[in-house]
Amino acid sequence: IYTGAAPNQQITPAVQWCHSELAARRFWLIGSDYIWPHCVNEIIKDQIAGLGATTLGEAYVPFGSTDLDDFVEEIATSKPDVVLCSVVGDSALAFFKSLRKAGIDPHEIPVVAFAVAEDELRHINHADMVGHYAAWNYFQSIDREENRRFVAGFKDRFGDDRVTSDVISAAYNSVNLWANAVRETGNTDVQQVRNSIRHQSLNAPEGIIAVDPETQHTWRPVYLAKIRSDGQFDIVWTSGVAVRPVPYPITRSRSAWATLVDDFHRSWGGWANTATSLPPVQAAREAN
């Protein structure tokens, strides 16, 4: 059972929002050099082409790299309407620091991040991030009684300086879905619990979620939010209701997506490109 986001519960709504609300027509993509960002950007490029927009550039950052000035220089030169960022870890924090150092104003070139949440913001100067965006299925600032109780309980247990985030909420939901299935079956037999969990739902901190019996992903609401100076987020858009998970975007066949993943894995000898040999900035393929 997967309680994280399918592409249509994070990535594609964010791209559509950028196109509709930010009037973005020129996109720039940057990610860490492993399987998830590469696949994310293939999904995004398909969507951008379908919207009649343009992918100006695409780049991949070696794991652990904190020297992103060359990437940022290329972004500044290209002048995209928005940057879609799937850079992770210390590299993500370095990316935003480099953006600010280069004088890139989020009001002129906003970034939408897919891997920066409340916990990451604890470890960076908030001034480097204010005004940029993130897309998740949960934010600590969601105004629901269920979320307020969740946040209070989390802080009581782990400390007032700790923050909740999407991955923490997803883990919490996983345990509760399992517990509900155990209560229903009256035991912990794997097959019985599995059969039960496939039709479980939950009034989660972010809203109503439910296990999709066909995909074994979860229906979840989607949120986009702007980063604040206190390291929290202001919600700017929400789906309002739980969105059905679609693990394989309809722009390609399921077999085509599987082949893409296999090709990356085979060419790298693993799930990450540990021998990055491309120039720092890789030009995007022209959208057809």
C-alpha atoms as a PDB file:
ATOM      1  CA  ILE A   1       0.000   0.000   0.000  1.00  0.00           C
ATOM      2  CA  TYR A   2       1.461   3.340  -1.082  1.00  0.00           C
ATOM      3  CA  THR A   3       0.454   6.440   0.885  1.00  0.00           C
ATOM      4  CA  GLY A   4       2.669   8.933  -0.942  1.00  0.00           C
ATOM      5  CA  ALA A   5       1.720  10.906  -4.043  1.00  0.00           C
ATOM      6  CA  ALA A   6       1.139   9.521  -7.510  1.00  0.00           C
ATOM      7  CA  PRO A   7       2.209  11.935 -10.293  1.00  0.00           C
ATOM      8  CA  ASN A   8      -1.347  13.238 -10.722  1.00  0.00           C
ATOM      9  CA  GLN A   9      -1.504  14.023  -7.003  1.00  0.00           C
ATOM     10  CA  GLN A  10       1.528  16.318  -6.941  1.00  0.00           C
ATOM     11  CA  ILE A  11       3.390  16.889 -10.193  1.00  0.00           C
ATOM     12  CA  THR A  12       0.750  17.400 -12.873  1.00  0.00           C
ATOM     13  CA  PRO A  13      -1.578  19.586 -10.738  1.00  0.00           C
ATOM     14  CA  ALA A  14       1.391  21.854 -10.000  1.00  0.00           C
ATOM     15  CA  VAL A  15       2.259  22.204 -13.685  1.00  0.00           C
ATOM     16  CA  GLN A  16      -1.371  22.959 -14.539  1.00  0.00           C
ATOM     17  CA  TRP A  17      -1.532  25.539 -11.740  1.00  0.00           C
ATOM     18  CA  CYS A  18       1.628  27.243 -13.020  1.00  0.00           C
ATOM     19  CA  HIS A  19       0.154  27.373 -16.516  1.00  0.00           C
ATOM     20  CA  SER A  20      -3.230  28.676 -15.349  1.00  0.00           C
ATOM     21  CA  GLU A  21      -2.430  30.886 -12.354  1.00  0.00           C
ATOM     22  CA  LEU A  22       1.109  32.076 -13.093  1.00  0.00           C
ATOM     23  CA  ALA A  23       0.518  32.222 -16.863  1.00  0.00           C
ATOM     24  CA  ALA A  24       3.698  30.165 -17.255  1.00  0.00           C
ATOM     25  CA  ARG A  25       4.559  29.268 -20.835  1.00  0.00           C
ATOM     26  CA  ARG A  26       8.338  28.846 -20.529  1.00  0.00           C
ATOM     27  CA  PHE A  27       9.456  26.181 -18.064  1.00  0.00           C
ATOM     28  CA  TRP A  28      12.870  25.207 -16.729  1.00  0.00           C
ATOM     29  CA  LEU A  29      13.400  21.806 -15.046  1.00  0.00           C
ATOM     30  CA  ILE A  30      16.083  20.878 -12.535  1.00  0.00           C
ATOM     31  CA  GLY A  31      16.449  17.716 -10.468  1.00  0.00           C
ATOM     32  CA  SER A  32      18.912  15.490  -8.673  1.00  0.00           C
ATOM     33  CA  ASP A  33      20.533  12.887 -10.899  1.00  0.00           C
ATOM     34  CA  TYR A  34      18.577   9.760 -10.004  1.00  0.00           C
ATOM     35  CA  ILE A  35      15.484   7.916 -11.131  1.00  0.00           C
ATOM     36  CA  TRP A  36      12.702   9.964  -9.516  1.00  0.00           C
ATOM     37  CA  PRO A  37      13.595  13.413 -10.953  1.00  0.00           C
ATOM     38  CA  HIS A  38      14.312  11.935 -14.386  1.00  0.00           C
ATOM     39  CA  CYS A  39      10.887  10.276 -14.460  1.00  0.00           C
ATOM     40  CA  VAL A  40       9.203  13.362 -13.000  1.00  0.00           C
ATOM     41  CA  ASN A  41      10.673  15.502 -15.748  1.00  0.00           C
ATOM     42  CA  GLU A  42       9.565  13.098 -18.475  1.00  0.00           C
ATOM     43  CA  ILE A  43       6.023  13.420 -17.097  1.00  0.00           C
ATOM     44  CA  ILE A  44       6.343  17.200 -16.937  1.00  0.00           C
ATOM     45  CA  LYS A  45       7.697  17.506 -20.486  1.00  0.00           C
ATOM     46  CA  ASP A  46       4.788  15.474 -21.827  1.00  0.00           C
ATOM     47  CA  GLN A  47       2.368  17.769 -20.016  1.00  0.00           C
ATOM     48  CA  ILE A  48       4.129  20.966 -21.084  1.00  0.00           C
ATOM     49  CA  ALA A  49       4.002  19.849 -24.715  1.00  0.00           C
ATOM     50  CA  GLY A  50       0.299  19.077 -24.336  1.00  0.00           C
ATOM     51  CA  LEU A  51      -0.296  22.573 -22.978  1.00  0.00           C
ATOM     52  CA  GLY A  52       1.467  24.113 -25.966  1.00  0.00           C
ATOM     53  CA  ALA A  53       4.161  25.517 -23.689  1.00  0.00           C
ATOM     54  CA  THR A  54       7.955  25.210 -23.912  1.00  0.00           C
ATOM     55  CA  THR A  55      10.627  23.444 -21.881  1.00  0.00           C
ATOM     56  CA  LEU A  56      13.549  25.870 -22.033  1.00  0.00           C
ATOM     57  CA  GLY A  57      16.079  23.793 -20.132  1.00  0.00           C
ATOM     58  CA  GLU A  58      16.636  20.634 -18.136  1.00  0.00           C
ATOM     59  CA  ALA A  59      19.505  19.867 -15.768  1.00  0.00           C
ATOM     60  CA  TYR A  60      20.510  17.199 -13.257  1.00  0.00           C
ATOM     61  CA  VAL A  61      22.587  17.804 -10.148  1.00  0.00           C
ATOM     62  CA  PRO A  62      25.016  15.090  -8.930  1.00  0.00           C
ATOM     63  CA  PHE A  63      24.111  13.743  -5.495  1.00  0.00           C
ATOM     64  CA  GLY A  64      25.496  15.837  -2.671  1.00  0.00           C
ATOM     65  CA  SER A  65      26.625  18.686  -4.912  1.00  0.00           C
ATOM     66  CA  THR A  66      26.281  22.104  -3.311  1.00  0.00           C
ATOM     67  CA  ASP A  67      27.859  24.107  -6.134  1.00  0.00           C
ATOM     68  CA  LEU A  68      24.857  25.030  -8.230  1.00  0.00           C
ATOM     69  CA  ASP A  69      25.945  28.450  -9.449  1.00  0.00           C
ATOM     70  CA  ASP A  70      26.347  27.261 -13.068  1.00  0.00           C
ATOM     71  CA  PHE A  71      22.799  25.922 -13.097  1.00  0.00           C
ATOM     72  CA  VAL A  72      21.452  29.144 -11.648  1.00  0.00           C
ATOM     73  CA  GLU A  73      23.406  31.221 -14.166  1.00  0.00           C
ATOM     74  CA  GLU A  74      21.784  29.284 -17.006  1.00  0.00           C
ATOM     75  CA  ILE A  75      18.342  29.807 -15.464  1.00  0.00           C
ATOM     76  CA  ALA A  76      18.987  33.533 -15.138  1.00  0.00           C
ATOM     77  CA  THR A  77      20.068  33.692 -18.775  1.00  0.00           C
ATOM     78  CA  SER A  78      17.072  31.683 -20.022  1.00  0.00           C
ATOM     79  CA  LYS A  79      14.538  33.778 -18.078  1.00  0.00           C
ATOM     80  CA  PRO A  80      11.838  31.097 -17.720  1.00  0.00           C
ATOM     81  CA  ASP A  81       8.417  31.907 -16.326  1.00  0.00           C
ATOM     82  CA  VAL A  82       8.844  29.232 -13.659  1.00  0.00           C
ATOM     83  CA  VAL A  83      11.351  26.639 -12.472  1.00  0.00           C
ATOM     84  CA  LEU A  84      10.138  23.157 -11.495  1.00  0.00           C
ATOM     85  CA  CYS A  85      12.540  21.697  -8.954  1.00  0.00           C
ATOM     86  CA  SER A  86      12.994  18.048  -7.981  1.00  0.00           C
ATOM     87  CA  VAL A  87      16.417  18.583  -6.407  1.00  0.00           C
ATOM     88  CA  VAL A  88      16.696  16.826  -3.033  1.00  0.00           C
ATOM     89  CA  GLY A  89      18.634  17.082   0.218  1.00  0.00           C
ATOM     90  CA  ASP A  90      21.530  19.483   0.725  1.00  0.00           C
ATOM     91  CA  SER A  91      21.581  20.217  -2.997  1.00  0.00           C
ATOM     92  CA  ALA A  92      18.059  21.653  -2.793  1.00  0.00           C
ATOM     93  CA  LEU A  93      19.022  23.999   0.011  1.00  0.00           C
ATOM     94  CA  ALA A  94      22.140  25.060  -1.904  1.00  0.00           C
ATOM     95  CA  PHE A  95      20.023  25.695  -5.000  1.00  0.00           C
ATOM     96  CA  PHE A  96      17.781  28.208  -3.255  1.00  0.00           C
ATOM     97  CA  LYS A  97      20.773  29.866  -1.618  1.00  0.00           C
ATOM     98  CA  SER A  98      22.399  30.237  -5.037  1.00  0.00           C
ATOM     99  CA  LEU A  99      19.193  31.670  -6.521  1.00  0.00           C
ATOM    100  CA  ARG A 100      19.093  34.385  -3.883  1.00  0.00           C
ATOM    101  CA  LYS A 101      22.810  35.119  -4.266  1.00  0.00           C
ATOM    102  CA  ALA A 102      22.229  35.594  -8.001  1.00  0.00           C
ATOM    103  CA  GLY A 103      19.443  38.072  -7.293  1.00  0.00           C
ATOM    104  CA  ILE A 104      16.675  35.946  -8.810  1.00  0.00           C
ATOM    105  CA  ASP A 105      13.403  37.326  -7.458  1.00  0.00           C
ATOM    106  CA  PRO A 106      10.668  34.729  -6.813  1.00  0.00           C
ATOM    107  CA  HIS A 107       8.124  37.248  -8.076  1.00  0.00           C
ATOM    108  CA  GLU A 108       9.878  37.202 -11.464  1.00  0.00           C
ATOM    109  CA  ILE A 109      11.101  33.584 -11.640  1.00  0.00           C
ATOM    110  CA  PRO A 110       9.281  31.516  -9.023  1.00  0.00           C
ATOM    111  CA  VAL A 111      10.344  27.984  -8.176  1.00  0.00           C
ATOM    112  CA  VAL A 112       7.882  25.190  -7.461  1.00  0.00           C
ATOM    113  CA  ALA A 113       9.639  22.524  -5.381  1.00  0.00           C
ATOM    114  CA  PHE A 114       8.572  18.894  -5.160  1.00  0.00           C
ATOM    115  CA  ALA A 115      11.027  17.831  -2.443  1.00  0.00           C
ATOM    116  CA  VAL A 116      11.227  20.758  -0.012  1.00  0.00           C
ATOM    117  CA  ALA A 117       8.949  20.639   3.019  1.00  0.00           C
ATOM    118  CA  GLU A 118       8.778  22.043   6.546  1.00  0.00           C
ATOM    119  CA  ASP A 119      11.625  19.936   7.905  1.00  0.00           C
ATOM    120  CA  GLU A 120      14.018  21.048   5.164  1.00  0.00           C
ATOM    121  CA  LEU A 121      13.147  24.671   5.906  1.00  0.00           C
ATOM    122  CA  ARG A 122      14.418  24.227   9.467  1.00  0.00           C
ATOM    123  CA  HIS A 123      17.949  23.916   8.078  1.00  0.00           C
ATOM    124  CA  ILE A 124      18.130  26.916   5.770  1.00  0.00           C
ATOM    125  CA  ASN A 125      17.901  30.667   5.985  1.00  0.00           C
ATOM    126  CA  HIS A 126      14.192  31.245   5.352  1.00  0.00           C
ATOM    127  CA  ALA A 127      15.018  34.416   3.446  1.00  0.00           C
ATOM    128  CA  ASP A 128      16.484  32.209   0.688  1.00  0.00           C
ATOM    129  CA  MET A 129      13.101  30.553   0.212  1.00  0.00           C
ATOM    130  CA  VAL A 130      10.360  33.115   0.862  1.00  0.00           C
ATOM    131  CA  GLY A 131       8.017  33.588  -2.080  1.00  0.00           C
ATOM    132  CA  HIS A 132       8.779  30.287  -3.758  1.00  0.00           C
ATOM    133  CA  TYR A 133       6.295  27.390  -3.791  1.00  0.00           C
ATOM    134  CA  ALA A 134       5.973  23.719  -2.933  1.00  0.00           C
ATOM    135  CA  ALA A 135       3.471  21.054  -3.957  1.00  0.00           C
ATOM    136  CA  TRP A 136       2.470  18.322  -1.533  1.00  0.00           C
ATOM    137  CA  ASN A 137      -0.536  16.438  -0.188  1.00  0.00           C
ATOM    138  CA  TYR A 138      -0.043  17.855   3.298  1.00  0.00           C
ATOM    139  CA  PHE A 139       1.269  20.996   4.972  1.00  0.00           C
ATOM    140  CA  GLN A 140       1.486  21.707   8.691  1.00  0.00           C
ATOM    141  CA  SER A 141      -0.497  24.910   8.138  1.00  0.00           C
ATOM    142  CA  ILE A 142      -3.624  23.124   6.828  1.00  0.00           C
ATOM    143  CA  ASP A 143      -6.590  24.584   8.692  1.00  0.00           C
ATOM    144  CA  ARG A 144      -8.426  21.483   9.909  1.00  0.00           C
ATOM    145  CA  GLU A 145      -9.214  20.372  13.436  1.00  0.00           C
ATOM    146  CA  GLU A 146      -7.809  16.922  12.642  1.00  0.00           C
ATOM    147  CA  ASN A 147      -4.529  18.523  11.608  1.00  0.00           C
ATOM    148  CA  ARG A 148      -4.344  20.763  14.657  1.00  0.00           C
ATOM    149  CA  ARG A 149      -4.696  17.693  16.892  1.00  0.00           C
ATOM    150  CA  PHE A 150      -2.085  15.849  14.829  1.00  0.00           C
ATOM    151  CA  VAL A 151       0.440  18.702  15.048  1.00  0.00           C
ATOM    152  CA  ALA A 152      -0.144  19.193  18.781  1.00  0.00           C
ATOM    153  CA  GLY A 153       0.297  15.477  19.472  1.00  0.00           C
ATOM    154  CA  PHE A 154       3.451  15.334  17.365  1.00  0.00           C
ATOM    155  CA  LYS A 155       5.015  18.300  19.153  1.00  0.00           C
ATOM    156  CA  ASP A 156       4.031  16.957  22.574  1.00  0.00           C
ATOM    157  CA  ARG A 157       5.870  13.739  21.801  1.00  0.00           C
ATOM    158  CA  PHE A 158       8.896  14.934  19.842  1.00  0.00           C
ATOM    159  CA  GLY A 159       9.400  18.535  20.957  1.00  0.00           C
ATOM    160  CA  ASP A 160       7.972  21.937  20.173  1.00  0.00           C
ATOM    161  CA  ASP A 161      10.855  22.700  17.813  1.00  0.00           C
ATOM    162  CA  ARG A 162       9.874  19.810  15.533  1.00  0.00           C
ATOM    163  CA  VAL A 163       7.583  20.256  12.543  1.00  0.00           C
ATOM    164  CA  THR A 164       5.250  17.954  10.674  1.00  0.00           C
ATOM    165  CA  SER A 165       5.443  17.435   6.915  1.00  0.00           C
ATOM    166  CA  ASP A 166       3.979  15.402   4.070  1.00  0.00           C
ATOM    167  CA  VAL A 167       6.197  12.373   4.666  1.00  0.00           C
ATOM    168  CA  ILE A 168       5.372  12.389   8.378  1.00  0.00           C
ATOM    169  CA  SER A 169       1.665  12.586   7.637  1.00  0.00           C
ATOM    170  CA  ALA A 170       1.956   9.763   5.085  1.00  0.00           C
ATOM    171  CA  ALA A 171       3.724   7.560   7.641  1.00  0.00           C
ATOM    172  CA  TYR A 172       1.087   8.380  10.269  1.00  0.00           C
ATOM    173  CA  ASN A 173      -1.670   7.537   7.792  1.00  0.00           C
ATOM    174  CA  SER A 174       0.009   4.228   6.929  1.00  0.00           C
ATOM    175  CA  VAL A 175      -0.013   3.068  10.536  1.00  0.00           C
ATOM    176  CA  ASN A 176      -3.618   4.152  11.051  1.00  0.00           C
ATOM    177  CA  LEU A 177      -4.848   2.427   7.889  1.00  0.00           C
ATOM    178  CA  TRP A 178      -3.107  -0.762   9.003  1.00  0.00           C
ATOM    179  CA  ALA A 179      -4.496  -0.442  12.547  1.00  0.00           C
ATOM    180  CA  ASN A 180      -8.034  -0.004  11.213  1.00  0.00           C
ATOM    181  CA  ALA A 181      -7.633  -3.133   9.106  1.00  0.00           C
ATOM    182  CA  VAL A 182      -6.351  -5.097  12.112  1.00  0.00           C
ATOM    183  CA  ARG A 183      -9.312  -3.939  14.187  1.00  0.00           C
ATOM    184  CA  GLU A 184     -11.708  -4.969  11.440  1.00  0.00           C
ATOM    185  CA  THR A 185     -10.207  -8.429  10.966  1.00  0.00           C
ATOM    186  CA  GLY A 186      -9.477  -9.021  14.640  1.00  0.00           C
ATOM    187  CA  ASN A 187      -5.986 -10.364  13.930  1.00  0.00           C
ATOM    188  CA  THR A 188      -2.707  -9.613  12.160  1.00  0.00           C
ATOM    189  CA  ASP A 189      -2.860 -12.310   9.496  1.00  0.00           C
ATOM    190  CA  VAL A 190      -1.153 -10.749   6.483  1.00  0.00           C
ATOM    191  CA  GLN A 191      -3.658 -11.839   3.850  1.00  0.00           C
ATOM    192  CA  GLN A 192      -6.703 -10.876   5.923  1.00  0.00           C
ATOM    193  CA  VAL A 193      -5.234  -7.479   6.788  1.00  0.00           C
ATOM    194  CA  ARG A 194      -4.294  -6.929   3.153  1.00  0.00           C
ATOM    195  CA  ASN A 195      -7.821  -7.716   1.997  1.00  0.00           C
ATOM    196  CA  SER A 196      -9.274  -5.359   4.601  1.00  0.00           C
ATOM    197  CA  ILE A 197      -6.870  -2.481   4.034  1.00  0.00           C
ATOM    198  CA  ARG A 198      -7.806  -2.301   0.348  1.00  0.00           C
ATOM    199  CA  HIS A 199     -11.135  -0.683   1.277  1.00  0.00           C
ATOM    200  CA  GLN A 200     -10.048   1.413   4.264  1.00  0.00           C
ATOM    201  CA  SER A 201     -10.498   5.177   4.459  1.00  0.00           C
ATOM    202  CA  LEU A 202      -9.352   7.695   7.026  1.00  0.00           C
ATOM    203  CA  ASN A 203     -10.135  11.220   8.180  1.00  0.00           C
ATOM    204  CA  ALA A 204      -6.459  12.157   8.000  1.00  0.00           C
ATOM    205  CA  PRO A 205      -4.776  15.441   8.982  1.00  0.00           C
ATOM    206  CA  GLU A 206      -4.901  16.637   5.349  1.00  0.00           C
ATOM    207  CA  GLY A 207      -8.463  15.482   4.659  1.00  0.00           C
ATOM    208  CA  ILE A 208     -10.285  12.299   3.760  1.00  0.00           C
ATOM    209  CA  ILE A 209      -7.992   9.686   2.228  1.00  0.00           C
ATOM    210  CA  ALA A 210      -8.836   6.191   1.000  1.00  0.00           C
ATOM    211  CA  VAL A 211      -6.998   3.178  -0.340  1.00  0.00           C
ATOM    212  CA  ASP A 212      -7.675   2.584  -4.018  1.00  0.00           C
ATOM    213  CA  PRO A 213      -8.301  -1.173  -4.362  1.00  0.00           C
ATOM    214  CA  GLU A 214      -7.193  -1.236  -7.995  1.00  0.00           C
ATOM    215  CA  THR A 215      -3.794   0.448  -7.660  1.00  0.00           C
ATOM    216  CA  GLN A 216      -3.200   0.084  -3.894  1.00  0.00           C
ATOM    217  CA  HIS A 217      -2.208   3.744  -3.844  1.00  0.00           C
ATOM    218  CA  THR A 218      -4.280   6.211  -1.821  1.00  0.00           C
ATOM    219  CA  TRP A 219      -6.750   8.890  -2.786  1.00  0.00           C
ATOM    220  CA  ARG A 220      -5.340  12.129  -1.298  1.00  0.00           C
ATOM    221  CA  PRO A 221      -6.067  15.856  -1.559  1.00  0.00           C
ATOM    222  CA  VAL A 222      -3.490  18.049  -3.303  1.00  0.00           C
ATOM    223  CA  TYR A 223      -2.112  21.356  -2.015  1.00  0.00           C
ATOM    224  CA  LEU A 224       0.146  24.076  -3.400  1.00  0.00           C
ATOM    225  CA  ALA A 225       1.607  26.574  -0.976  1.00  0.00           C
ATOM    226  CA  LYS A 226       3.930  29.567  -0.815  1.00  0.00           C
ATOM    227  CA  ILE A 227       6.885  29.609   1.574  1.00  0.00           C
ATOM    228  CA  ARG A 228       6.652  32.101   4.449  1.00  0.00           C
ATOM    229  CA  SER A 229       9.370  33.866   6.418  1.00  0.00           C
ATOM    230  CA  ASP A 230       8.721  31.656   9.469  1.00  0.00           C
ATOM    231  CA  GLY A 231       9.452  28.447   7.582  1.00  0.00           C
ATOM    232  CA  GLN A 232       5.809  27.513   7.180  1.00  0.00           C
ATOM    233  CA  PHE A 233       3.522  27.680   4.146  1.00  0.00           C
ATOM    234  CA  ASP A 234       0.474  29.647   3.009  1.00  0.00           C
ATOM    235  CA  ILE A 235      -1.899  27.437   1.029  1.00  0.00           C
ATOM    236  CA  VAL A 236      -2.596  29.026  -2.369  1.00  0.00           C
ATOM    237  CA  TRP A 237      -4.536  26.195  -4.007  1.00  0.00           C
ATOM    238  CA  THR A 238      -6.119  22.900  -3.068  1.00  0.00           C
ATOM    239  CA  SER A 239      -8.003  20.224  -4.961  1.00  0.00           C
ATOM    240  CA  GLY A 240     -10.629  20.410  -2.204  1.00  0.00           C
ATOM    241  CA  VAL A 241     -11.302  16.680  -2.322  1.00  0.00           C
ATOM    242  CA  ALA A 242      -9.199  13.541  -2.469  1.00  0.00           C
ATOM    243  CA  VAL A 243      -7.794  12.855  -5.938  1.00  0.00           C
ATOM    244  CA  ARG A 244      -7.814   9.356  -7.383  1.00  0.00           C
ATOM    245  CA  PRO A 245      -4.241   8.065  -7.872  1.00  0.00           C
ATOM    246  CA  VAL A 246      -3.034   7.425 -11.419  1.00  0.00           C
ATOM    247  CA  PRO A 247       0.445   5.887 -11.061  1.00  0.00           C
ATOM    248  CA  TYR A 248       1.078   5.762 -14.828  1.00  0.00           C
ATOM    249  CA  PRO A 249       0.249   9.055 -16.604  1.00  0.00           C
ATOM    250  CA  ILE A 250      -1.912   8.615 -19.676  1.00  0.00           C
ATOM    251  CA  THR A 251       0.535  10.454 -21.951  1.00  0.00           C
ATOM    252  CA  ARG A 252       2.313   7.124 -22.475  1.00  0.00           C
ATOM    253  CA  SER A 253       1.407   3.468 -22.098  1.00  0.00           C
ATOM    254  CA  ARG A 254       2.203   1.610 -18.900  1.00  0.00           C
ATOM    255  CA  SER A 255       4.721  -0.507 -20.814  1.00  0.00           C
ATOM    256  CA  ALA A 256       6.412   2.649 -22.141  1.00  0.00           C
ATOM    257  CA  TRP A 257       6.831   4.005 -18.605  1.00  0.00           C
ATOM    258  CA  ALA A 258       8.190   0.647 -17.441  1.00  0.00           C
ATOM    259  CA  THR A 259      10.666   0.621 -20.334  1.00  0.00           C
ATOM    260  CA  LEU A 260      11.803   4.148 -19.467  1.00  0.00           C
ATOM    261  CA  VAL A 261      12.543   3.131 -15.876  1.00  0.00           C
ATOM    262  CA  ASP A 262      14.324  -0.049 -16.980  1.00  0.00           C
ATOM    263  CA  ASP A 263      16.448   1.892 -19.465  1.00  0.00           C
ATOM    264  CA  PHE A 264      17.620   4.341 -16.794  1.00  0.00           C
ATOM    265  CA  HIS A 265      18.405   1.502 -14.386  1.00  0.00           C
ATOM    266  CA  ARG A 266      20.316  -0.469 -16.992  1.00  0.00           C
ATOM    267  CA  SER A 267      22.341   2.491 -18.265  1.00  0.00           C
ATOM    268  CA  TRP A 268      23.334   3.569 -14.736  1.00  0.00           C
ATOM    269  CA  GLY A 269      23.745   0.109 -13.229  1.00  0.00           C
ATOM    270  CA  GLY A 270      21.451   1.230 -10.417  1.00  0.00           C
ATOM    271  CA  TRP A 271      18.855   3.827  -9.493  1.00  0.00           C
ATOM    272  CA  ALA A 272      21.161   6.853  -9.614  1.00  0.00           C
ATOM    273  CA  ASN A 273      23.618   8.233 -12.135  1.00  0.00           C
ATOM    274  CA  THR A 274      26.708   8.002  -9.932  1.00  0.00           C
ATOM    275  CA  ALA A 275      29.045   8.754 -12.837  1.00  0.00           C
ATOM    276  CA  THR A 276      27.445  11.928 -14.155  1.00  0.00           C
ATOM    277  CA  SER A 277      29.335  12.849 -17.290  1.00  0.00           C
ATOM    278  CA  LEU A 278      26.990  15.329 -18.935  1.00  0.00           C
ATOM    279  CA  PRO A 279      27.755  19.043 -18.848  1.00  0.00           C
ATOM    280  CA  PRO A 280      26.207  20.840 -15.847  1.00  0.00           C
ATOM    281  CA  VAL A 281      23.345  22.091 -17.934  1.00  0.00           C
ATOM    282  CA  GLN A 282      21.605  19.775 -20.366  1.00  0.00           C
ATOM    283  CA  ALA A 283      19.450  21.375 -23.020  1.00  0.00           C
ATOM    284  CA  ALA A 284      15.920  20.034 -23.094  1.00  0.00           C
ATOM    285  CA  ARG A 285      14.577  18.233 -26.082  1.00  0.00           C
ATOM    286  CA  GLU A 286      12.378  20.491 -28.184  1.00  0.00           C
ATOM    287  CA  ALA A 287       8.722  19.915 -27.361  1.00  0.00           C
ATOM    288  CA  ASN A 288       6.864  18.487 -30.321  1.00  0.00           C
END
